[in-house]
Amino acid sequence: GGHDVTVYNRTAAKSSLWVKEYGGTSAATPREAAQGAELVAMCVGNDDDVRSVVYGENGALAGMKKGTILVDHTTASAIVAREVHAKAKDMGIGFVDAPVSGGQAGAVNGQLGIMCGGEDDVFARARPVLDLYAKSCVLIGAPGAGQLTKMVNQLVIAGLLQGLSEGLNFGMRAGLDIEKVIAVISKGAAQSWQMDNRWQQMREVKFDGFGFAVDWMRKDLGICLQEANKNGARLPVAALVDQFYAQVQARGGKRWDTSSLMNLLAKD
């Protein structure tokens, strides 16, 4: 998008490879990467990772100036989003919690769905940059709203993938031509991104080397279940699917794509 970019990764070799492929420069610490930047975007693993990259003498906030913006694309808790927002605001720095959906392909192709929480004016200043890699970028509400929306996203995907796995497995065991089945039902009410993009791998029961890892989905579902314990939402299907994913992990599928729920049905 014409911006000067400096990157940091906790695995330095990844930063070097990124710069080699895309240009820009790399930095040795989050603070160094953030120095002089108008906007800092980060995406790590969980709440503790967010804190480790943001806080401290080498953290991103230590390198940022008043009036700049910190955007967090991590899928984390609403608690840590509100916490970082408050800390950043005390320093005169804007903050947007902005988890994404669309996977690696969505990021590479600039087609991510970005669900945001934050203040209107801060979001308005950040959006021109976010739009460079977003298919959709929406401010949902106050700080933490982006993370809560991502929880909704993950809950829907978890239930959908279990239903898709059961349907495909049923059709295969019934002797149907699954390619023809998908050609029909993908044009009706059963259609989904998961169906369009994962049915072939699910038919072949091959889930390694692509997609969104089971370990990550279990982390996300854990956040959802924790939040539900606070707000009183009932998540019986999500809790069940979380246990199915635990079984996938036990089968060696920690890094398999989340469509690997099919493995539990197709391979007894």
C-alpha atoms as a PDB file:
ATOM      1  CA  GLY A   1       0.000   0.000   0.000  1.00  0.00           C
ATOM      2  CA  GLY A   2       2.974   2.318  -0.277  1.00  0.00           C
ATOM      3  CA  HIS A   3       3.850   2.256   3.426  1.00  0.00           C
ATOM      4  CA  ASP A   4       7.304   1.728   4.912  1.00  0.00           C
ATOM      5  CA  VAL A   5       7.168  -1.504   6.916  1.00  0.00           C
ATOM      6  CA  THR A   6       9.352  -2.811   9.717  1.00  0.00           C
ATOM      7  CA  VAL A   7       8.703  -6.324  10.989  1.00  0.00           C
ATOM      8  CA  TYR A   8       9.486  -8.209  14.177  1.00  0.00           C
ATOM      9  CA  ASN A   9       8.953 -11.879  14.974  1.00  0.00           C
ATOM     10  CA  ARG A  10       9.903 -13.725  18.127  1.00  0.00           C
ATOM     11  CA  THR A  11      11.580 -16.202  15.761  1.00  0.00           C
ATOM     12  CA  ALA A  12      14.116 -13.920  14.090  1.00  0.00           C
ATOM     13  CA  ALA A  13      14.549 -16.186  11.060  1.00  0.00           C
ATOM     14  CA  LYS A  14      10.917 -15.573  10.103  1.00  0.00           C
ATOM     15  CA  SER A  15      11.498 -11.826  10.048  1.00  0.00           C
ATOM     16  CA  SER A  16      14.512 -12.289   7.801  1.00  0.00           C
ATOM     17  CA  LEU A  17      12.570 -14.472   5.385  1.00  0.00           C
ATOM     18  CA  TRP A  18       9.709 -11.974   5.292  1.00  0.00           C
ATOM     19  CA  VAL A  19      12.028  -9.083   4.444  1.00  0.00           C
ATOM     20  CA  LYS A  20      13.748 -11.162   1.783  1.00  0.00           C
ATOM     21  CA  GLU A  21      10.422 -11.882   0.094  1.00  0.00           C
ATOM     22  CA  TYR A  22       8.526  -8.627   0.603  1.00  0.00           C
ATOM     23  CA  GLY A  23      11.117  -5.943   1.365  1.00  0.00           C
ATOM     24  CA  GLY A  24      11.128  -3.506   4.246  1.00  0.00           C
ATOM     25  CA  THR A  25      13.319  -3.975   7.292  1.00  0.00           C
ATOM     26  CA  SER A  26      13.360  -6.172  10.378  1.00  0.00           C
ATOM     27  CA  ALA A  27      13.911  -5.289  14.008  1.00  0.00           C
ATOM     28  CA  ALA A  28      15.348  -7.155  16.977  1.00  0.00           C
ATOM     29  CA  THR A  29      12.623  -6.199  19.481  1.00  0.00           C
ATOM     30  CA  PRO A  30       9.002  -5.012  19.436  1.00  0.00           C
ATOM     31  CA  ARG A  31      10.167  -1.653  20.750  1.00  0.00           C
ATOM     32  CA  GLU A  32      12.624  -1.221  17.914  1.00  0.00           C
ATOM     33  CA  ALA A  33      10.012  -2.250  15.342  1.00  0.00           C
ATOM     34  CA  ALA A  34       7.504   0.235  16.738  1.00  0.00           C
ATOM     35  CA  GLN A  35       9.831   3.230  16.881  1.00  0.00           C
ATOM     36  CA  GLY A  36       8.806   5.891  14.385  1.00  0.00           C
ATOM     37  CA  ALA A  37       5.718   3.960  13.250  1.00  0.00           C
ATOM     38  CA  GLU A  38       2.357   5.658  12.903  1.00  0.00           C
ATOM     39  CA  LEU A  39       0.613   2.312  13.259  1.00  0.00           C
ATOM     40  CA  VAL A  40       1.790  -0.940  14.855  1.00  0.00           C
ATOM     41  CA  ALA A  41      -0.066  -4.161  14.000  1.00  0.00           C
ATOM     42  CA  MET A  42       0.598  -7.379  15.860  1.00  0.00           C
ATOM     43  CA  CYS A  43      -0.655 -10.955  15.776  1.00  0.00           C
ATOM     44  CA  VAL A  44       0.577 -13.490  18.329  1.00  0.00           C
ATOM     45  CA  GLY A  45      -0.851 -16.505  20.125  1.00  0.00           C
ATOM     46  CA  ASN A  46      -2.741 -15.732  23.320  1.00  0.00           C
ATOM     47  CA  ASP A  47      -3.189 -13.273  26.190  1.00  0.00           C
ATOM     48  CA  ASP A  48       0.242 -13.928  27.692  1.00  0.00           C
ATOM     49  CA  ASP A  49       1.886 -13.506  24.291  1.00  0.00           C
ATOM     50  CA  VAL A  50       0.115 -10.171  23.826  1.00  0.00           C
ATOM     51  CA  ARG A  51       1.399  -8.932  27.173  1.00  0.00           C
ATOM     52  CA  SER A  52       4.946 -10.138  26.474  1.00  0.00           C
ATOM     53  CA  VAL A  53       5.099  -8.262  23.165  1.00  0.00           C
ATOM     54  CA  VAL A  54       3.317  -5.079  24.294  1.00  0.00           C
ATOM     55  CA  TYR A  55       4.688  -4.416  27.787  1.00  0.00           C
ATOM     56  CA  GLY A  56       8.144  -3.987  29.281  1.00  0.00           C
ATOM     57  CA  GLU A  57      11.208  -1.987  28.292  1.00  0.00           C
ATOM     58  CA  ASN A  58      11.445  -3.814  24.963  1.00  0.00           C
ATOM     59  CA  GLY A  59       7.694  -3.937  24.342  1.00  0.00           C
ATOM     60  CA  ALA A  60       5.880  -2.206  21.513  1.00  0.00           C
ATOM     61  CA  LEU A  61       4.337   0.485  23.725  1.00  0.00           C
ATOM     62  CA  ALA A  62       7.789   1.536  24.901  1.00  0.00           C
ATOM     63  CA  GLY A  63       8.706   2.416  21.329  1.00  0.00           C
ATOM     64  CA  MET A  64       5.489   4.211  20.383  1.00  0.00           C
ATOM     65  CA  LYS A  65       4.784   7.932  20.540  1.00  0.00           C
ATOM     66  CA  LYS A  66       1.676   9.765  21.623  1.00  0.00           C
ATOM     67  CA  GLY A  67      -0.897   9.901  18.848  1.00  0.00           C
ATOM     68  CA  THR A  68       0.115   6.616  17.205  1.00  0.00           C
ATOM     69  CA  ILE A  69      -2.078   3.497  17.020  1.00  0.00           C
ATOM     70  CA  LEU A  70      -1.614  -0.097  18.201  1.00  0.00           C
ATOM     71  CA  VAL A  71      -3.749  -2.724  16.433  1.00  0.00           C
ATOM     72  CA  ASP A  72      -3.955  -6.240  17.847  1.00  0.00           C
ATOM     73  CA  HIS A  73      -4.960  -8.964  15.374  1.00  0.00           C
ATOM     74  CA  THR A  74      -4.425 -11.732  17.929  1.00  0.00           C
ATOM     75  CA  THR A  75      -7.408 -13.894  18.824  1.00  0.00           C
ATOM     76  CA  ALA A  76      -7.315 -13.325  22.576  1.00  0.00           C
ATOM     77  CA  SER A  77      -9.704 -12.500  25.406  1.00  0.00           C
ATOM     78  CA  ALA A  78     -11.819  -9.382  25.704  1.00  0.00           C
ATOM     79  CA  ILE A  79     -10.156  -8.949  29.097  1.00  0.00           C
ATOM     80  CA  VAL A  80      -6.678  -8.422  27.666  1.00  0.00           C
ATOM     81  CA  ALA A  81      -8.080  -6.161  24.921  1.00  0.00           C
ATOM     82  CA  ARG A  82      -9.627  -3.833  27.478  1.00  0.00           C
ATOM     83  CA  GLU A  83      -6.488  -3.980  29.603  1.00  0.00           C
ATOM     84  CA  VAL A  84      -4.164  -2.999  26.742  1.00  0.00           C
ATOM     85  CA  HIS A  85      -6.614  -0.312  25.604  1.00  0.00           C
ATOM     86  CA  ALA A  86      -6.554   1.293  29.047  1.00  0.00           C
ATOM     87  CA  LYS A  87      -2.758   1.166  29.250  1.00  0.00           C
ATOM     88  CA  ALA A  88      -2.325   2.589  25.766  1.00  0.00           C
ATOM     89  CA  LYS A  89      -4.870   5.351  26.376  1.00  0.00           C
ATOM     90  CA  ASP A  90      -2.986   6.434  29.498  1.00  0.00           C
ATOM     91  CA  MET A  91       0.036   6.913  27.222  1.00  0.00           C
ATOM     92  CA  GLY A  92      -1.936   8.830  24.587  1.00  0.00           C
ATOM     93  CA  ILE A  93      -1.788   5.892  22.179  1.00  0.00           C
ATOM     94  CA  GLY A  94      -4.841   4.585  20.326  1.00  0.00           C
ATOM     95  CA  PHE A  95      -5.745   0.890  20.451  1.00  0.00           C
ATOM     96  CA  VAL A  96      -7.976  -1.340  18.343  1.00  0.00           C
ATOM     97  CA  ASP A  97      -8.617  -5.010  19.086  1.00  0.00           C
ATOM     98  CA  ALA A  98      -8.989  -6.455  15.609  1.00  0.00           C
ATOM     99  CA  PRO A  99      -8.982 -10.261  15.366  1.00  0.00           C
ATOM    100  CA  VAL A 100      -9.213 -11.628  11.844  1.00  0.00           C
ATOM    101  CA  SER A 101     -10.893 -14.442   9.953  1.00  0.00           C
ATOM    102  CA  GLY A 102      -9.869 -15.880   6.604  1.00  0.00           C
ATOM    103  CA  GLY A 103      -6.728 -17.823   7.399  1.00  0.00           C
ATOM    104  CA  GLN A 104      -3.348 -17.602   5.725  1.00  0.00           C
ATOM    105  CA  ALA A 105      -4.899 -17.433   2.257  1.00  0.00           C
ATOM    106  CA  GLY A 106      -7.039 -14.489   3.323  1.00  0.00           C
ATOM    107  CA  ALA A 107      -4.008 -12.657   4.667  1.00  0.00           C
ATOM    108  CA  VAL A 108      -1.847 -13.269   1.596  1.00  0.00           C
ATOM    109  CA  ASN A 109      -4.611 -12.223  -0.767  1.00  0.00           C
ATOM    110  CA  GLY A 110      -5.791  -9.213   1.259  1.00  0.00           C
ATOM    111  CA  GLN A 111      -9.184 -10.799   1.866  1.00  0.00           C
ATOM    112  CA  LEU A 112      -9.431 -10.971   5.646  1.00  0.00           C
ATOM    113  CA  GLY A 113     -12.517 -10.255   7.672  1.00  0.00           C
ATOM    114  CA  ILE A 114     -11.445  -7.894  10.457  1.00  0.00           C
ATOM    115  CA  MET A 115     -13.762  -7.439  13.431  1.00  0.00           C
ATOM    116  CA  CYS A 116     -12.819  -4.446  15.542  1.00  0.00           C
ATOM    117  CA  GLY A 117     -13.350  -3.008  18.982  1.00  0.00           C
ATOM    118  CA  GLY A 118     -12.273   0.484  19.955  1.00  0.00           C
ATOM    119  CA  GLU A 119     -13.036   4.170  19.795  1.00  0.00           C
ATOM    120  CA  ASP A 120     -14.567   5.689  16.652  1.00  0.00           C
ATOM    121  CA  ASP A 121     -11.832   8.220  15.960  1.00  0.00           C
ATOM    122  CA  VAL A 122      -9.004   5.737  16.473  1.00  0.00           C
ATOM    123  CA  PHE A 123     -10.667   3.190  14.207  1.00  0.00           C
ATOM    124  CA  ALA A 124     -11.213   5.832  11.531  1.00  0.00           C
ATOM    125  CA  ARG A 125      -7.484   6.616  11.517  1.00  0.00           C
ATOM    126  CA  ALA A 126      -6.471   2.954  11.457  1.00  0.00           C
ATOM    127  CA  ARG A 127      -8.928   1.789   8.829  1.00  0.00           C
ATOM    128  CA  PRO A 128      -7.092   2.968   5.670  1.00  0.00           C
ATOM    129  CA  VAL A 129      -4.215   0.649   6.596  1.00  0.00           C
ATOM    130  CA  LEU A 130      -6.452  -2.240   7.645  1.00  0.00           C
ATOM    131  CA  ASP A 131      -8.406  -1.981   4.408  1.00  0.00           C
ATOM    132  CA  LEU A 132      -5.239  -2.846   2.494  1.00  0.00           C
ATOM    133  CA  TYR A 133      -5.525  -6.466   3.638  1.00  0.00           C
ATOM    134  CA  ALA A 134      -9.225  -6.706   4.461  1.00  0.00           C
ATOM    135  CA  LYS A 135     -12.219  -7.849   2.478  1.00  0.00           C
ATOM    136  CA  SER A 136     -14.359  -6.482   5.286  1.00  0.00           C
ATOM    137  CA  CYS A 137     -13.323  -4.287   8.210  1.00  0.00           C
ATOM    138  CA  VAL A 138     -16.018  -3.293  10.703  1.00  0.00           C
ATOM    139  CA  LEU A 139     -16.012  -1.498  14.048  1.00  0.00           C
ATOM    140  CA  ILE A 140     -18.365  -3.598  16.168  1.00  0.00           C
ATOM    141  CA  GLY A 141     -18.279  -1.579  19.364  1.00  0.00           C
ATOM    142  CA  ALA A 142     -16.210  -0.574  22.380  1.00  0.00           C
ATOM    143  CA  PRO A 143     -12.795  -2.081  23.245  1.00  0.00           C
ATOM    144  CA  GLY A 144     -13.160  -5.863  23.522  1.00  0.00           C
ATOM    145  CA  ALA A 145     -16.037  -6.048  21.024  1.00  0.00           C
ATOM    146  CA  GLY A 146     -13.720  -7.277  18.299  1.00  0.00           C
ATOM    147  CA  GLN A 147     -12.591 -10.202  20.437  1.00  0.00           C
ATOM    148  CA  LEU A 148     -16.162 -11.048  21.422  1.00  0.00           C
ATOM    149  CA  THR A 149     -17.149 -11.071  17.746  1.00  0.00           C
ATOM    150  CA  LYS A 150     -14.258 -13.416  16.935  1.00  0.00           C
ATOM    151  CA  MET A 151     -15.628 -15.738  19.622  1.00  0.00           C
ATOM    152  CA  VAL A 152     -18.956 -15.779  17.799  1.00  0.00           C
ATOM    153  CA  ASN A 153     -17.064 -16.564  14.589  1.00  0.00           C
ATOM    154  CA  GLN A 154     -15.223 -19.518  16.130  1.00  0.00           C
ATOM    155  CA  LEU A 155     -18.350 -20.903  17.789  1.00  0.00           C
ATOM    156  CA  VAL A 156     -20.182 -20.895  14.461  1.00  0.00           C
ATOM    157  CA  ILE A 157     -17.269 -22.542  12.632  1.00  0.00           C
ATOM    158  CA  ALA A 158     -16.897 -25.273  15.270  1.00  0.00           C
ATOM    159  CA  GLY A 159     -20.542 -26.316  15.053  1.00  0.00           C
ATOM    160  CA  LEU A 160     -20.567 -26.010  11.279  1.00  0.00           C
ATOM    161  CA  LEU A 161     -17.503 -28.231  10.828  1.00  0.00           C
ATOM    162  CA  GLN A 162     -18.978 -30.956  13.012  1.00  0.00           C
ATOM    163  CA  GLY A 163     -22.199 -30.883  10.998  1.00  0.00           C
ATOM    164  CA  LEU A 164     -20.279 -30.919   7.712  1.00  0.00           C
ATOM    165  CA  SER A 165     -18.154 -33.841   8.910  1.00  0.00           C
ATOM    166  CA  GLU A 166     -21.197 -35.854   9.909  1.00  0.00           C
ATOM    167  CA  GLY A 167     -23.003 -35.084   6.647  1.00  0.00           C
ATOM    168  CA  LEU A 168     -20.073 -36.009   4.416  1.00  0.00           C
ATOM    169  CA  ASN A 169     -19.327 -39.163   6.378  1.00  0.00           C
ATOM    170  CA  PHE A 170     -22.991 -40.164   6.202  1.00  0.00           C
ATOM    171  CA  GLY A 171     -23.050 -39.629   2.438  1.00  0.00           C
ATOM    172  CA  MET A 172     -19.849 -41.592   1.888  1.00  0.00           C
ATOM    173  CA  ARG A 173     -21.063 -44.530   3.967  1.00  0.00           C
ATOM    174  CA  ALA A 174     -24.345 -44.438   2.036  1.00  0.00           C
ATOM    175  CA  GLY A 175     -22.394 -44.927  -1.182  1.00  0.00           C
ATOM    176  CA  LEU A 176     -23.164 -41.526  -2.681  1.00  0.00           C
ATOM    177  CA  ASP A 177     -20.922 -39.691  -5.152  1.00  0.00           C
ATOM    178  CA  ILE A 178     -19.809 -36.943  -2.765  1.00  0.00           C
ATOM    179  CA  GLU A 179     -18.607 -34.655  -5.540  1.00  0.00           C
ATOM    180  CA  LYS A 180     -22.111 -34.663  -7.017  1.00  0.00           C
ATOM    181  CA  VAL A 181     -23.629 -34.223  -3.559  1.00  0.00           C
ATOM    182  CA  ILE A 182     -21.483 -31.151  -2.901  1.00  0.00           C
ATOM    183  CA  ALA A 183     -22.302 -29.745  -6.341  1.00  0.00           C
ATOM    184  CA  VAL A 184     -25.973 -29.749  -5.380  1.00  0.00           C
ATOM    185  CA  ILE A 185     -26.039 -28.830  -1.700  1.00  0.00           C
ATOM    186  CA  SER A 186     -23.373 -26.114  -2.039  1.00  0.00           C
ATOM    187  CA  LYS A 187     -25.868 -24.165  -4.132  1.00  0.00           C
ATOM    188  CA  GLY A 188     -28.511 -24.251  -1.401  1.00  0.00           C
ATOM    189  CA  ALA A 189     -29.012 -23.491   2.276  1.00  0.00           C
ATOM    190  CA  ALA A 190     -26.184 -25.801   3.394  1.00  0.00           C
ATOM    191  CA  GLN A 191     -23.514 -23.787   1.584  1.00  0.00           C
ATOM    192  CA  SER A 192     -20.565 -22.462   3.599  1.00  0.00           C
ATOM    193  CA  TRP A 193     -16.958 -21.364   3.182  1.00  0.00           C
ATOM    194  CA  GLN A 194     -15.890 -24.542   4.945  1.00  0.00           C
ATOM    195  CA  MET A 195     -17.855 -26.677   2.501  1.00  0.00           C
ATOM    196  CA  ASP A 196     -16.477 -24.865  -0.546  1.00  0.00           C
ATOM    197  CA  ASN A 197     -12.865 -24.950   0.633  1.00  0.00           C
ATOM    198  CA  ARG A 198     -12.525 -28.112   2.724  1.00  0.00           C
ATOM    199  CA  TRP A 199     -14.841 -30.831   1.384  1.00  0.00           C
ATOM    200  CA  GLN A 200     -12.186 -32.429  -0.820  1.00  0.00           C
ATOM    201  CA  GLN A 201      -9.663 -32.747   1.997  1.00  0.00           C
ATOM    202  CA  MET A 202     -12.408 -34.068   4.256  1.00  0.00           C
ATOM    203  CA  ARG A 203     -13.359 -36.690   1.660  1.00  0.00           C
ATOM    204  CA  GLU A 204      -9.701 -37.756   1.428  1.00  0.00           C
ATOM    205  CA  VAL A 205      -9.257 -37.516   5.241  1.00  0.00           C
ATOM    206  CA  LYS A 206      -6.032 -35.542   4.791  1.00  0.00           C
ATOM    207  CA  PHE A 207      -5.534 -32.505   6.997  1.00  0.00           C
ATOM    208  CA  ASP A 208      -1.811 -31.833   7.348  1.00  0.00           C
ATOM    209  CA  GLY A 209       0.104 -28.832   6.030  1.00  0.00           C
ATOM    210  CA  PHE A 210      -2.635 -26.267   5.511  1.00  0.00           C
ATOM    211  CA  GLY A 211      -5.358 -24.273   7.212  1.00  0.00           C
ATOM    212  CA  PHE A 212      -6.086 -23.354  10.813  1.00  0.00           C
ATOM    213  CA  ALA A 213      -4.533 -25.696  13.368  1.00  0.00           C
ATOM    214  CA  VAL A 214      -6.535 -27.716  15.886  1.00  0.00           C
ATOM    215  CA  ASP A 215      -4.312 -26.402  18.689  1.00  0.00           C
ATOM    216  CA  TRP A 216      -5.358 -22.856  17.792  1.00  0.00           C
ATOM    217  CA  MET A 217      -9.031 -23.731  17.612  1.00  0.00           C
ATOM    218  CA  ARG A 218      -8.926 -25.360  21.046  1.00  0.00           C
ATOM    219  CA  LYS A 219      -7.277 -22.229  22.406  1.00  0.00           C
ATOM    220  CA  ASP A 220     -10.046 -20.139  20.868  1.00  0.00           C
ATOM    221  CA  LEU A 221     -12.837 -22.394  22.113  1.00  0.00           C
ATOM    222  CA  GLY A 222     -11.323 -22.217  25.586  1.00  0.00           C
ATOM    223  CA  ILE A 223     -11.625 -18.428  25.443  1.00  0.00           C
ATOM    224  CA  CYS A 224     -15.244 -18.780  24.296  1.00  0.00           C
ATOM    225  CA  LEU A 225     -16.141 -21.179  27.086  1.00  0.00           C
ATOM    226  CA  GLN A 226     -14.460 -18.959  29.673  1.00  0.00           C
ATOM    227  CA  GLU A 227     -16.393 -15.918  28.463  1.00  0.00           C
ATOM    228  CA  ALA A 228     -19.647 -17.920  28.446  1.00  0.00           C
ATOM    229  CA  ASN A 229     -19.103 -18.803  32.089  1.00  0.00           C
ATOM    230  CA  LYS A 230     -19.168 -15.059  32.801  1.00  0.00           C
ATOM    231  CA  ASN A 231     -22.076 -13.976  30.618  1.00  0.00           C
ATOM    232  CA  GLY A 232     -24.309 -16.995  31.152  1.00  0.00           C
ATOM    233  CA  ALA A 233     -24.429 -18.176  27.525  1.00  0.00           C
ATOM    234  CA  ARG A 234     -25.011 -21.908  27.070  1.00  0.00           C
ATOM    235  CA  LEU A 235     -22.528 -23.550  24.681  1.00  0.00           C
ATOM    236  CA  PRO A 236     -23.330 -27.286  24.740  1.00  0.00           C
ATOM    237  CA  VAL A 237     -22.295 -27.947  21.128  1.00  0.00           C
ATOM    238  CA  ALA A 238     -19.081 -25.943  21.433  1.00  0.00           C
ATOM    239  CA  ALA A 239     -18.126 -27.817  24.613  1.00  0.00           C
ATOM    240  CA  LEU A 240     -18.726 -31.137  22.845  1.00  0.00           C
ATOM    241  CA  VAL A 241     -16.778 -30.172  19.733  1.00  0.00           C
ATOM    242  CA  ASP A 242     -13.921 -28.971  21.946  1.00  0.00           C
ATOM    243  CA  GLN A 243     -13.703 -32.494  23.350  1.00  0.00           C
ATOM    244  CA  PHE A 244     -13.754 -33.939  19.836  1.00  0.00           C
ATOM    245  CA  TYR A 245     -10.789 -31.720  19.016  1.00  0.00           C
ATOM    246  CA  ALA A 246      -9.043 -33.066  22.115  1.00  0.00           C
ATOM    247  CA  GLN A 247      -9.459 -36.539  20.598  1.00  0.00           C
ATOM    248  CA  VAL A 248      -7.962 -35.283  17.318  1.00  0.00           C
ATOM    249  CA  GLN A 249      -4.980 -33.940  19.268  1.00  0.00           C
ATOM    250  CA  ALA A 250      -4.567 -37.337  20.925  1.00  0.00           C
ATOM    251  CA  ARG A 251      -4.398 -38.889  17.445  1.00  0.00           C
ATOM    252  CA  GLY A 252      -1.440 -36.667  16.588  1.00  0.00           C
ATOM    253  CA  GLY A 253      -3.491 -33.949  14.920  1.00  0.00           C
ATOM    254  CA  LYS A 254      -2.410 -30.910  16.911  1.00  0.00           C
ATOM    255  CA  ARG A 255      -1.373 -29.076  13.740  1.00  0.00           C
ATOM    256  CA  TRP A 256      -4.016 -30.537  11.449  1.00  0.00           C
ATOM    257  CA  ASP A 257      -6.620 -28.243   9.947  1.00  0.00           C
ATOM    258  CA  THR A 258      -9.811 -27.836  11.958  1.00  0.00           C
ATOM    259  CA  SER A 259     -11.752 -29.799   9.324  1.00  0.00           C
ATOM    260  CA  SER A 260     -10.003 -32.869  10.787  1.00  0.00           C
ATOM    261  CA  LEU A 261     -13.091 -33.549  12.913  1.00  0.00           C
ATOM    262  CA  MET A 262     -13.819 -35.820   9.948  1.00  0.00           C
ATOM    263  CA  ASN A 263     -10.950 -38.040  11.069  1.00  0.00           C
ATOM    264  CA  LEU A 264     -12.929 -39.166  14.110  1.00  0.00           C
ATOM    265  CA  LEU A 265     -15.825 -40.330  11.924  1.00  0.00           C
ATOM    266  CA  ALA A 266     -14.092 -41.689   8.835  1.00  0.00           C
ATOM    267  CA  LYS A 267     -11.348 -43.577  10.706  1.00  0.00           C
ATOM    268  CA  ASP A 268     -12.606 -45.596  13.655  1.00  0.00           C
END
